[in-house]
């Protein structure tokens, strides 16, 4: 299995790409604030859990599953907030993480 270039250099960038792909698959995009918040959270989670490249490669499916759960629930929250919206906002991500209690439990996000 060949590793993607972003993964070889930056696991946070790989997880961001996964999040964008999942959101785009349902015709959603991230607002600039939500994008910045998610990218910050990804980097912080990797630092807090002290995740190196080797561990990330070993647990990549778990990380991708965590990102998928987060994006899917953020989309659900956004639809509940505004059914016509196609832009994911930070309050929807916050609700997915804390109101729906995804954190802790999404490795390596939180």
PDB file of N, CA and C in Angstrom:
ATOM      1  N   UNK A   1       0.850  -1.177   0.000  1.00  0.00           N
ATOM      2  CA  UNK A   1       0.000   0.000   0.000  1.00  0.00           C
ATOM      3  C   UNK A   1       0.889   1.232   0.000  1.00  0.00           C
ATOM      4  N   UNK A   2       0.760   2.065  -0.994  1.00  0.00           N
ATOM      5  CA  UNK A   2       1.548   3.291  -1.085  1.00  0.00           C
ATOM      6  C   UNK A   2       0.905   4.371  -0.226  1.00  0.00           C
ATOM      7  N   UNK A   3       1.734   5.065   0.532  1.00  0.00           N
ATOM      8  CA  UNK A   3       1.232   6.138   1.381  1.00  0.00           C
ATOM      9  C   UNK A   3       1.042   7.408   0.565  1.00  0.00           C
ATOM     10  N   UNK A   4       0.024   8.158   0.911  1.00  0.00           N
ATOM     11  CA  UNK A   4      -0.191   9.435   0.252  1.00  0.00           C
ATOM     12  C   UNK A   4       0.873  10.414   0.731  1.00  0.00           C
ATOM     13  N   UNK A   5       1.310  11.339  -0.107  1.00  0.00           N
ATOM     14  CA  UNK A   5       2.356  12.278   0.285  1.00  0.00           C
ATOM     15  C   UNK A   5       2.033  13.049   1.563  1.00  0.00           C
ATOM     16  N   UNK A   6       0.779  13.493   1.748  1.00  0.00           N
ATOM     17  CA  UNK A   6       0.418  14.252   2.941  1.00  0.00           C
ATOM     18  C   UNK A   6       0.596  13.405   4.189  1.00  0.00           C
ATOM     19  N   UNK A   7       0.310  12.128   4.099  1.00  0.00           N
ATOM     20  CA  UNK A   7       0.437  11.250   5.248  1.00  0.00           C
ATOM     21  C   UNK A   7       1.897  11.101   5.646  1.00  0.00           C
ATOM     22  N   UNK A   8       2.780  11.003   4.674  1.00  0.00           N
ATOM     23  CA  UNK A   8       4.190  10.825   4.963  1.00  0.00           C
ATOM     24  C   UNK A   8       4.759  12.031   5.704  1.00  0.00           C
ATOM     25  N   UNK A   9       4.185  13.199   5.484  1.00  0.00           N
ATOM     26  CA  UNK A   9       4.706  14.419   6.084  1.00  0.00           C
ATOM     27  C   UNK A   9       3.867  14.929   7.243  1.00  0.00           C
ATOM     28  N   UNK A  10       2.548  14.784   7.143  1.00  0.00           N
ATOM     29  CA  UNK A  10       1.667  15.452   8.099  1.00  0.00           C
ATOM     30  C   UNK A  10       0.350  14.695   8.269  1.00  0.00           C
ATOM     31  N   UNK A  11       0.214  13.916   9.349  1.00  0.00           N
ATOM     32  CA  UNK A  11      -1.044  13.204   9.579  1.00  0.00           C
ATOM     33  C   UNK A  11      -2.255  14.138   9.682  1.00  0.00           C
ATOM     34  N   UNK A  12      -2.071  15.335  10.241  1.00  0.00           N
ATOM     35  CA  UNK A  12      -3.187  16.276  10.360  1.00  0.00           C
ATOM     36  C   UNK A  12      -3.697  16.676   8.980  1.00  0.00           C
ATOM     37  N   UNK A  13      -2.786  16.884   8.046  1.00  0.00           N
ATOM     38  CA  UNK A  13      -3.195  17.234   6.680  1.00  0.00           C
ATOM     39  C   UNK A  13      -3.943  16.078   6.029  1.00  0.00           C
ATOM     40  N   UNK A  14      -3.509  14.858   6.294  1.00  0.00           N
ATOM     41  CA  UNK A  14      -4.206  13.688   5.746  1.00  0.00           C
ATOM     42  C   UNK A  14      -5.628  13.618   6.301  1.00  0.00           C
ATOM     43  N   UNK A  15      -5.773  13.814   7.617  1.00  0.00           N
ATOM     44  CA  UNK A  15      -7.109  13.751   8.212  1.00  0.00           C
ATOM     45  C   UNK A  15      -7.986  14.887   7.686  1.00  0.00           C
ATOM     46  N   UNK A  16      -7.408  16.067   7.445  1.00  0.00           N
ATOM     47  CA  UNK A  16      -8.172  17.171   6.873  1.00  0.00           C
ATOM     48  C   UNK A  16      -8.680  16.792   5.487  1.00  0.00           C
ATOM     49  N   UNK A  17      -7.827  16.183   4.677  1.00  0.00           N
ATOM     50  CA  UNK A  17      -8.233  15.764   3.334  1.00  0.00           C
ATOM     51  C   UNK A  17      -9.373  14.754   3.399  1.00  0.00           C
ATOM     52  N   UNK A  18      -9.325  13.855   4.370  1.00  0.00           N
ATOM     53  CA  UNK A  18     -10.396  12.875   4.559  1.00  0.00           C
ATOM     54  C   UNK A  18     -11.696  13.604   4.903  1.00  0.00           C
ATOM     55  N   UNK A  19     -11.618  14.578   5.806  1.00  0.00           N
ATOM     56  CA  UNK A  19     -12.807  15.342   6.212  1.00  0.00           C
ATOM     57  C   UNK A  19     -13.415  16.075   5.023  1.00  0.00           C
ATOM     58  N   UNK A  20     -12.583  16.694   4.201  1.00  0.00           N
ATOM     59  CA  UNK A  20     -13.067  17.423   3.027  1.00  0.00           C
ATOM     60  C   UNK A  20     -13.739  16.469   2.050  1.00  0.00           C
ATOM     61  N   UNK A  21     -13.126  15.317   1.842  1.00  0.00           N
ATOM     62  CA  UNK A  21     -13.689  14.322   0.910  1.00  0.00           C
ATOM     63  C   UNK A  21     -15.050  13.819   1.403  1.00  0.00           C
ATOM     64  N   UNK A  22     -15.173  13.555   2.686  1.00  0.00           N
ATOM     65  CA  UNK A  22     -16.439  13.064   3.238  1.00  0.00           C
ATOM     66  C   UNK A  22     -17.521  14.137   3.122  1.00  0.00           C
ATOM     67  N   UNK A  23     -17.175  15.374   3.479  1.00  0.00           N
ATOM     68  CA  UNK A  23     -18.140  16.470   3.389  1.00  0.00           C
ATOM     69  C   UNK A  23     -18.551  16.703   1.937  1.00  0.00           C
ATOM     70  N   UNK A  24     -17.594  16.710   1.039  1.00  0.00           N
ATOM     71  CA  UNK A  24     -17.888  16.943  -0.379  1.00  0.00           C
ATOM     72  C   UNK A  24     -18.773  15.840  -0.951  1.00  0.00           C
ATOM     73  N   UNK A  25     -18.616  14.637  -0.437  1.00  0.00           N
ATOM     74  CA  UNK A  25     -19.450  13.528  -0.888  1.00  0.00           C
ATOM     75  C   UNK A  25     -20.927  13.764  -0.618  1.00  0.00           C
ATOM     76  N   UNK A  26     -21.211  14.625   0.352  1.00  0.00           N
ATOM     77  CA  UNK A  26     -22.607  14.979   0.653  1.00  0.00           C
ATOM     78  C   UNK A  26     -22.903  16.423   0.270  1.00  0.00           C
ATOM     79  N   UNK A  27     -22.040  16.980  -0.578  1.00  0.00           N
ATOM     80  CA  UNK A  27     -22.208  18.329  -1.118  1.00  0.00           C
ATOM     81  C   UNK A  27     -22.103  19.413  -0.046  1.00  0.00           C
ATOM     82  N   UNK A  28     -21.255  19.196   0.953  1.00  0.00           N
ATOM     83  CA  UNK A  28     -20.999  20.181   1.997  1.00  0.00           C
ATOM     84  C   UNK A  28     -19.573  20.679   1.892  1.00  0.00           C
ATOM     85  N   UNK A  29     -19.388  21.899   2.390  1.00  0.00           N
ATOM     86  CA  UNK A  29     -18.069  22.524   2.463  1.00  0.00           C
ATOM     87  C   UNK A  29     -17.898  23.072   3.875  1.00  0.00           C
ATOM     88  N   UNK A  30     -16.673  23.323   4.263  1.00  0.00           N
ATOM     89  CA  UNK A  30     -16.388  23.886   5.578  1.00  0.00           C
ATOM     90  C   UNK A  30     -16.305  25.408   5.490  1.00  0.00           C
ATOM     91  N   UNK A  31     -16.934  26.093   6.441  1.00  0.00           N
ATOM     92  CA  UNK A  31     -16.747  27.535   6.534  1.00  0.00           C
ATOM     93  C   UNK A  31     -15.298  27.773   6.955  1.00  0.00           C
ATOM     94  N   UNK A  32     -14.760  28.957   6.687  1.00  0.00           N
ATOM     95  CA  UNK A  32     -13.376  29.232   7.094  1.00  0.00           C
ATOM     96  C   UNK A  32     -13.140  29.038   8.595  1.00  0.00           C
ATOM     97  N   UNK A  33     -14.105  29.431   9.404  1.00  0.00           N
ATOM     98  CA  UNK A  33     -13.966  29.275  10.852  1.00  0.00           C
ATOM     99  C   UNK A  33     -13.977  27.804  11.260  1.00  0.00           C
ATOM    100  N   UNK A  34     -14.865  27.033  10.646  1.00  0.00           N
ATOM    101  CA  UNK A  34     -14.950  25.604  10.948  1.00  0.00           C
ATOM    102  C   UNK A  34     -13.686  24.899  10.468  1.00  0.00           C
ATOM    103  N   UNK A  35     -13.193  25.271   9.302  1.00  0.00           N
ATOM    104  CA  UNK A  35     -11.953  24.695   8.781  1.00  0.00           C
ATOM    105  C   UNK A  35     -10.801  24.960   9.743  1.00  0.00           C
ATOM    106  N   UNK A  36     -10.657  26.210  10.168  1.00  0.00           N
ATOM    107  CA  UNK A  36      -9.571  26.567  11.082  1.00  0.00           C
ATOM    108  C   UNK A  36      -9.706  25.815  12.408  1.00  0.00           C
ATOM    109  N   UNK A  37     -10.927  25.736  12.919  1.00  0.00           N
ATOM    110  CA  UNK A  37     -11.156  25.032  14.182  1.00  0.00           C
ATOM    111  C   UNK A  37     -10.843  23.552  14.088  1.00  0.00           C
ATOM    112  N   UNK A  38     -11.252  22.929  12.993  1.00  0.00           N
ATOM    113  CA  UNK A  38     -10.993  21.500  12.828  1.00  0.00           C
ATOM    114  C   UNK A  38      -9.498  21.236  12.648  1.00  0.00           C
ATOM    115  N   UNK A  39      -8.835  22.043  11.836  1.00  0.00           N
ATOM    116  CA  UNK A  39      -7.396  21.860  11.637  1.00  0.00           C
ATOM    117  C   UNK A  39      -6.639  22.025  12.949  1.00  0.00           C
ATOM    118  N   UNK A  40      -7.029  23.006  13.744  1.00  0.00           N
ATOM    119  CA  UNK A  40      -6.399  23.218  15.043  1.00  0.00           C
ATOM    120  C   UNK A  40      -6.630  22.018  15.964  1.00  0.00           C
ATOM    121  N   UNK A  41      -7.858  21.522  15.962  1.00  0.00           N
ATOM    122  CA  UNK A  41      -8.208  20.379  16.798  1.00  0.00           C
ATOM    123  C   UNK A  41      -7.431  19.129  16.384  1.00  0.00           C
ATOM    124  N   UNK A  42      -7.256  18.932  15.081  1.00  0.00           N
ATOM    125  CA  UNK A  42      -6.503  17.773  14.590  1.00  0.00           C
ATOM    126  C   UNK A  42      -5.053  17.834  15.056  1.00  0.00           C
ATOM    127  N   UNK A  43      -4.430  18.990  14.887  1.00  0.00           N
ATOM    128  CA  UNK A  43      -3.026  19.141  15.312  1.00  0.00           C
ATOM    129  C   UNK A  43      -2.892  18.971  16.818  1.00  0.00           C
ATOM    130  N   UNK A  44      -3.798  19.579  17.566  1.00  0.00           N
ATOM    131  CA  UNK A  44      -3.746  19.472  19.023  1.00  0.00           C
ATOM    132  C   UNK A  44      -3.946  18.032  19.481  1.00  0.00           C
ATOM    133  N   UNK A  45      -4.874  17.330  18.863  1.00  0.00           N
ATOM    134  CA  UNK A  45      -5.120  15.937  19.230  1.00  0.00           C
ATOM    135  C   UNK A  45      -3.902  15.066  18.987  1.00  0.00           C
ATOM    136  N   UNK A  46      -3.231  15.282  17.880  1.00  0.00           N
ATOM    137  CA  UNK A  46      -2.013  14.519  17.587  1.00  0.00           C
ATOM    138  C   UNK A  46      -0.928  14.816  18.614  1.00  0.00           C
ATOM    139  N   UNK A  47      -0.829  16.074  19.030  1.00  0.00           N
ATOM    140  CA  UNK A  47       0.173  16.446  20.028  1.00  0.00           C
ATOM    141  C   UNK A  47      -0.168  15.886  21.397  1.00  0.00           C
ATOM    142  N   UNK A  48      -1.419  16.029  21.810  1.00  0.00           N
ATOM    143  CA  UNK A  48      -1.840  15.546  23.129  1.00  0.00           C
ATOM    144  C   UNK A  48      -1.633  14.043  23.259  1.00  0.00           C
ATOM    145  N   UNK A  49      -1.968  13.313  22.213  1.00  0.00           N
ATOM    146  CA  UNK A  49      -1.816  11.855  22.234  1.00  0.00           C
ATOM    147  C   UNK A  49      -0.410  11.409  21.855  1.00  0.00           C
ATOM    148  N   UNK A  50       0.456  12.393  21.546  1.00  0.00           N
ATOM    149  CA  UNK A  50       1.845  12.107  21.167  1.00  0.00           C
ATOM    150  C   UNK A  50       1.929  11.065  20.058  1.00  0.00           C
ATOM    151  N   UNK A  51       1.158  11.319  19.002  1.00  0.00           N
ATOM    152  CA  UNK A  51       1.066  10.388  17.886  1.00  0.00           C
ATOM    153  C   UNK A  51       2.192  10.669  16.892  1.00  0.00           C
ATOM    154  N   UNK A  52       3.021   9.668  16.679  1.00  0.00           N
ATOM    155  CA  UNK A  52       4.067   9.764  15.673  1.00  0.00           C
ATOM    156  C   UNK A  52       3.601   9.153  14.363  1.00  0.00           C
ATOM    157  N   UNK A  53       4.437   9.268  13.351  1.00  0.00           N
ATOM    158  CA  UNK A  53       4.072   8.738  12.032  1.00  0.00           C
ATOM    159  C   UNK A  53       3.851   7.235  12.054  1.00  0.00           C
ATOM    160  N   UNK A  54       4.690   6.508  12.792  1.00  0.00           N
ATOM    161  CA  UNK A  54       4.551   5.051  12.830  1.00  0.00           C
ATOM    162  C   UNK A  54       3.204   4.660  13.433  1.00  0.00           C
ATOM    163  N   UNK A  55       2.878   5.233  14.601  1.00  0.00           N
ATOM    164  CA  UNK A  55       1.599   4.900  15.240  1.00  0.00           C
ATOM    165  C   UNK A  55       0.428   5.313  14.352  1.00  0.00           C
ATOM    166  N   UNK A  56       0.543   6.475  13.724  1.00  0.00           N
ATOM    167  CA  UNK A  56      -0.542   6.927  12.863  1.00  0.00           C
ATOM    168  C   UNK A  56      -0.762   5.960  11.711  1.00  0.00           C
ATOM    169  N   UNK A  57       0.325   5.518  11.110  1.00  0.00           N
ATOM    170  CA  UNK A  57       0.200   4.557  10.004  1.00  0.00           C
ATOM    171  C   UNK A  57      -0.444   3.259  10.472  1.00  0.00           C
ATOM    172  N   UNK A  58      -0.094   2.836  11.675  1.00  0.00           N
ATOM    173  CA  UNK A  58      -0.665   1.599  12.220  1.00  0.00           C
ATOM    174  C   UNK A  58      -2.163   1.739  12.525  1.00  0.00           C
ATOM    175  N   UNK A  59      -2.590   2.952  12.868  1.00  0.00           N
ATOM    176  CA  UNK A  59      -3.973   3.169  13.302  1.00  0.00           C
ATOM    177  C   UNK A  59      -4.752   4.086  12.355  1.00  0.00           C
ATOM    178  N   UNK A  60      -4.312   4.162  11.114  1.00  0.00           N
ATOM    179  CA  UNK A  60      -4.914   5.104  10.164  1.00  0.00           C
ATOM    180  C   UNK A  60      -6.409   4.853   9.948  1.00  0.00           C
ATOM    181  N   UNK A  61      -6.815   3.615   9.900  1.00  0.00           N
ATOM    182  CA  UNK A  61      -8.245   3.313   9.699  1.00  0.00           C
ATOM    183  C   UNK A  61      -9.073   3.842  10.865  1.00  0.00           C
ATOM    184  N   UNK A  62      -8.555   3.708  12.080  1.00  0.00           N
ATOM    185  CA  UNK A  62      -9.247   4.225  13.261  1.00  0.00           C
ATOM    186  C   UNK A  62      -9.370   5.754  13.180  1.00  0.00           C
ATOM    187  N   UNK A  63      -8.288   6.416  12.766  1.00  0.00           N
ATOM    188  CA  UNK A  63      -8.309   7.873  12.633  1.00  0.00           C
ATOM    189  C   UNK A  63      -9.324   8.297  11.573  1.00  0.00           C
ATOM    190  N   UNK A  64      -9.325   7.609  10.439  1.00  0.00           N
ATOM    191  CA  UNK A  64     -10.265   7.941   9.366  1.00  0.00           C
ATOM    192  C   UNK A  64     -11.707   7.698   9.789  1.00  0.00           C
ATOM    193  N   UNK A  65     -11.941   6.644  10.549  1.00  0.00           N
ATOM    194  CA  UNK A  65     -13.288   6.368  11.060  1.00  0.00           C
ATOM    195  C   UNK A  65     -13.728   7.465  12.022  1.00  0.00           C
ATOM    196  N   UNK A  66     -12.810   7.931  12.858  1.00  0.00           N
ATOM    197  CA  UNK A  66     -13.118   9.025  13.785  1.00  0.00           C
ATOM    198  C   UNK A  66     -13.496  10.290  13.038  1.00  0.00           C
ATOM    199  N   UNK A  67     -12.731  10.616  12.000  1.00  0.00           N
ATOM    200  CA  UNK A  67     -13.023  11.812  11.205  1.00  0.00           C
ATOM    201  C   UNK A  67     -14.380  11.654  10.517  1.00  0.00           C
ATOM    202  N   UNK A  68     -14.657  10.471   9.998  1.00  0.00           N
ATOM    203  CA  UNK A  68     -15.947  10.241   9.343  1.00  0.00           C
ATOM    204  C   UNK A  68     -17.099  10.443  10.324  1.00  0.00           C
ATOM    205  N   UNK A  69     -16.980   9.900  11.542  1.00  0.00           N
ATOM    206  CA  UNK A  69     -18.028  10.089  12.552  1.00  0.00           C
ATOM    207  C   UNK A  69     -18.238  11.566  12.836  1.00  0.00           C
ATOM    208  N   UNK A  70     -17.126  12.280  13.011  1.00  0.00           N
ATOM    209  CA  UNK A  70     -17.218  13.702  13.330  1.00  0.00           C
ATOM    210  C   UNK A  70     -17.877  14.484  12.187  1.00  0.00           C
ATOM    211  N   UNK A  71     -17.470  14.255  10.976  1.00  0.00           N
ATOM    212  CA  UNK A  71     -18.031  15.000   9.834  1.00  0.00           C
ATOM    213  C   UNK A  71     -19.502  14.642   9.639  1.00  0.00           C
ATOM    214  N   UNK A  72     -19.850  13.369   9.725  1.00  0.00           N
ATOM    215  CA  UNK A  72     -21.250  12.959   9.548  1.00  0.00           C
ATOM    216  C   UNK A  72     -22.150  13.595  10.607  1.00  0.00           C
ATOM    217  N   UNK A  73     -21.689  13.599  11.852  1.00  0.00           N
ATOM    218  CA  UNK A  73     -22.498  14.184  12.917  1.00  0.00           C
ATOM    219  C   UNK A  73     -22.547  15.707  12.801  1.00  0.00           C
ATOM    220  N   UNK A  74     -21.461  16.319  12.341  1.00  0.00           N
ATOM    221  CA  UNK A  74     -21.462  17.767  12.097  1.00  0.00           C
ATOM    222  C   UNK A  74     -22.468  18.113  11.002  1.00  0.00           C
ATOM    223  N   UNK A  75     -22.524  17.308   9.964  1.00  0.00           N
ATOM    224  CA  UNK A  75     -23.505  17.515   8.894  1.00  0.00           C
ATOM    225  C   UNK A  75     -24.926  17.378   9.448  1.00  0.00           C
ATOM    226  N   UNK A  76     -25.156  16.378  10.284  1.00  0.00           N
ATOM    227  CA  UNK A  76     -26.485  16.202  10.897  1.00  0.00           C
ATOM    228  C   UNK A  76     -26.865  17.419  11.743  1.00  0.00           C
ATOM    229  N   UNK A  77     -25.915  17.913  12.516  1.00  0.00           N
ATOM    230  CA  UNK A  77     -26.166  19.101  13.342  1.00  0.00           C
ATOM    231  C   UNK A  77     -26.456  20.321  12.472  1.00  0.00           C
ATOM    232  N   UNK A  78     -25.705  20.461  11.395  1.00  0.00           N
ATOM    233  CA  UNK A  78     -25.899  21.605  10.490  1.00  0.00           C
ATOM    234  C   UNK A  78     -27.276  21.530   9.830  1.00  0.00           C
ATOM    235  N   UNK A  79     -27.681  20.342   9.401  1.00  0.00           N
ATOM    236  CA  UNK A  79     -29.007  20.177   8.784  1.00  0.00           C
ATOM    237  C   UNK A  79     -30.112  20.490   9.780  1.00  0.00           C
ATOM    238  N   UNK A  80     -29.915  20.118  11.044  1.00  0.00           N
ATOM    239  CA  UNK A  80     -30.921  20.413  12.070  1.00  0.00           C
ATOM    240  C   UNK A  80     -31.005  21.920  12.319  1.00  0.00           C
ATOM    241  N   UNK A  81     -29.865  22.580  12.245  1.00  0.00           N
ATOM    242  CA  UNK A  81     -29.800  24.017  12.465  1.00  0.00           C
ATOM    243  C   UNK A  81     -30.391  24.793  11.290  1.00  0.00           C
ATOM    244  N   UNK A  82     -30.037  24.364  10.070  1.00  0.00           N
ATOM    245  CA  UNK A  82     -30.496  25.038   8.852  1.00  0.00           C
ATOM    246  C   UNK A  82     -30.564  24.011   7.727  1.00  0.00           C
ATOM    247  N   UNK A  83     -31.756  23.488   7.445  1.00  0.00           N
ATOM    248  CA  UNK A  83     -31.882  22.437   6.435  1.00  0.00           C
ATOM    249  C   UNK A  83     -31.379  22.820   5.038  1.00  0.00           C
ATOM    250  N   UNK A  84     -31.344  24.110   4.718  1.00  0.00           N
ATOM    251  CA  UNK A  84     -30.896  24.540   3.395  1.00  0.00           C
ATOM    252  C   UNK A  84     -29.383  24.743   3.318  1.00  0.00           C
ATOM    253  N   UNK A  85     -28.705  24.684   4.436  1.00  0.00           N
ATOM    254  CA  UNK A  85     -27.267  24.966   4.471  1.00  0.00           C
ATOM    255  C   UNK A  85     -26.448  23.879   3.781  1.00  0.00           C
ATOM    256  N   UNK A  86     -25.411  24.295   3.126  1.00  0.00           N
ATOM    257  CA  UNK A  86     -24.426  23.385   2.537  1.00  0.00           C
ATOM    258  C   UNK A  86     -23.028  23.764   3.006  1.00  0.00           C
ATOM    259  N   UNK A  87     -22.995  24.566   4.085  1.00  0.00           N
ATOM    260  CA  UNK A  87     -21.742  25.044   4.648  1.00  0.00           C
ATOM    261  C   UNK A  87     -21.686  24.647   6.118  1.00  0.00           C
ATOM    262  N   UNK A  88     -20.642  23.931   6.491  1.00  0.00           N
ATOM    263  CA  UNK A  88     -20.501  23.488   7.878  1.00  0.00           C
ATOM    264  C   UNK A  88     -19.911  24.615   8.714  1.00  0.00           C
ATOM    265  N   UNK A  89     -20.580  24.907   9.820  1.00  0.00           N
ATOM    266  CA  UNK A  89     -20.162  25.991  10.700  1.00  0.00           C
ATOM    267  C   UNK A  89     -19.623  25.436  12.016  1.00  0.00           C
ATOM    268  N   UNK A  90     -18.823  26.248  12.671  1.00  0.00           N
ATOM    269  CA  UNK A  90     -18.186  25.837  13.916  1.00  0.00           C
ATOM    270  C   UNK A  90     -19.182  25.410  15.006  1.00  0.00           C
ATOM    271  N   UNK A  91     -20.306  26.105  15.192  1.00  0.00           N
ATOM    272  CA  UNK A  91     -21.254  25.653  16.219  1.00  0.00           C
ATOM    273  C   UNK A  91     -21.774  24.229  15.975  1.00  0.00           C
ATOM    274  N   UNK A  92     -21.906  23.852  14.720  1.00  0.00           N
ATOM    275  CA  UNK A  92     -22.366  22.487  14.410  1.00  0.00           C
ATOM    276  C   UNK A  92     -21.301  21.470  14.803  1.00  0.00           C
ATOM    277  N   UNK A  93     -20.029  21.793  14.550  1.00  0.00           N
ATOM    278  CA  UNK A  93     -18.946  20.892  14.947  1.00  0.00           C
ATOM    279  C   UNK A  93     -18.849  20.817  16.472  1.00  0.00           C
ATOM    280  N   UNK A  94     -18.993  21.960  17.129  1.00  0.00           N
ATOM    281  CA  UNK A  94     -18.964  21.991  18.584  1.00  0.00           C
ATOM    282  C   UNK A  94     -20.088  21.124  19.157  1.00  0.00           C
ATOM    283  N   UNK A  95     -21.284  21.240  18.583  1.00  0.00           N
ATOM    284  CA  UNK A  95     -22.423  20.435  19.046  1.00  0.00           C
ATOM    285  C   UNK A  95     -22.156  18.951  18.837  1.00  0.00           C
ATOM    286  N   UNK A  96     -21.560  18.603  17.703  1.00  0.00           N
ATOM    287  CA  UNK A  96     -21.248  17.194  17.436  1.00  0.00           C
ATOM    288  C   UNK A  96     -20.249  16.659  18.456  1.00  0.00           C
ATOM    289  N   UNK A  97     -19.241  17.449  18.776  1.00  0.00           N
ATOM    290  CA  UNK A  97     -18.200  16.993  19.693  1.00  0.00           C
ATOM    291  C   UNK A  97     -18.668  16.926  21.136  1.00  0.00           C
ATOM    292  N   UNK A  98     -19.398  17.934  21.580  1.00  0.00           N
ATOM    293  CA  UNK A  98     -19.676  18.042  23.013  1.00  0.00           C
ATOM    294  C   UNK A  98     -21.127  17.804  23.395  1.00  0.00           C
ATOM    295  N   UNK A  99     -22.082  18.314  22.626  1.00  0.00           N
ATOM    296  CA  UNK A  99     -23.481  18.056  22.952  1.00  0.00           C
ATOM    297  C   UNK A  99     -23.811  16.588  22.715  1.00  0.00           C
ATOM    298  N   UNK A 100     -23.316  16.062  21.610  1.00  0.00           N
ATOM    299  CA  UNK A 100     -23.534  14.648  21.293  1.00  0.00           C
ATOM    300  C   UNK A 100     -22.495  13.736  21.939  1.00  0.00           C
ATOM    301  N   UNK A 101     -21.543  14.338  22.631  1.00  0.00           N
ATOM    302  CA  UNK A 101     -20.537  13.631  23.439  1.00  0.00           C
ATOM    303  C   UNK A 101     -19.656  12.676  22.645  1.00  0.00           C
ATOM    304  N   UNK A 102     -19.187  13.138  21.492  1.00  0.00           N
ATOM    305  CA  UNK A 102     -18.216  12.341  20.748  1.00  0.00           C
ATOM    306  C   UNK A 102     -16.861  12.355  21.452  1.00  0.00           C
ATOM    307  N   UNK A 103     -16.544  13.469  22.115  1.00  0.00           N
ATOM    308  CA  UNK A 103     -15.284  13.571  22.855  1.00  0.00           C
ATOM    309  C   UNK A 103     -15.557  13.215  24.300  1.00  0.00           C
ATOM    310  N   UNK A 104     -14.705  12.458  24.940  1.00  0.00           N
ATOM    311  CA  UNK A 104     -13.553  11.756  24.358  1.00  0.00           C
ATOM    312  C   UNK A 104     -14.004  10.516  23.601  1.00  0.00           C
ATOM    313  N   UNK A 105     -13.129   9.980  22.823  1.00  0.00           N
ATOM    314  CA  UNK A 105     -13.458   8.766  22.103  1.00  0.00           C
ATOM    315  C   UNK A 105     -13.106   8.784  20.639  1.00  0.00           C
ATOM    316  N   UNK A 106     -12.779   9.942  20.085  1.00  0.00           N
ATOM    317  CA  UNK A 106     -12.393  10.012  18.678  1.00  0.00           C
ATOM    318  C   UNK A 106     -10.874  10.101  18.592  1.00  0.00           C
ATOM    319  N   UNK A 107     -10.227   8.965  18.442  1.00  0.00           N
ATOM    320  CA  UNK A 107      -8.764   8.982  18.346  1.00  0.00           C
ATOM    321  C   UNK A 107      -8.349   9.422  16.962  1.00  0.00           C
ATOM    322  N   UNK A 108      -7.393  10.259  16.797  1.00  0.00           N
ATOM    323  CA  UNK A 108      -6.638  11.035  17.787  1.00  0.00           C
ATOM    324  C   UNK A 108      -7.175  12.447  17.968  1.00  0.00           C
ATOM    325  N   UNK A 109      -8.409  12.698  17.566  1.00  0.00           N
ATOM    326  CA  UNK A 109      -8.965  14.043  17.637  1.00  0.00           C
ATOM    327  C   UNK A 109      -9.116  14.491  19.094  1.00  0.00           C
ATOM    328  N   UNK A 110      -9.704  13.633  19.903  1.00  0.00           N
ATOM    329  CA  UNK A 110      -9.891  13.984  21.330  1.00  0.00           C
ATOM    330  C   UNK A 110     -10.042  12.706  22.154  1.00  0.00           C
TER     331      UNK A 110
END
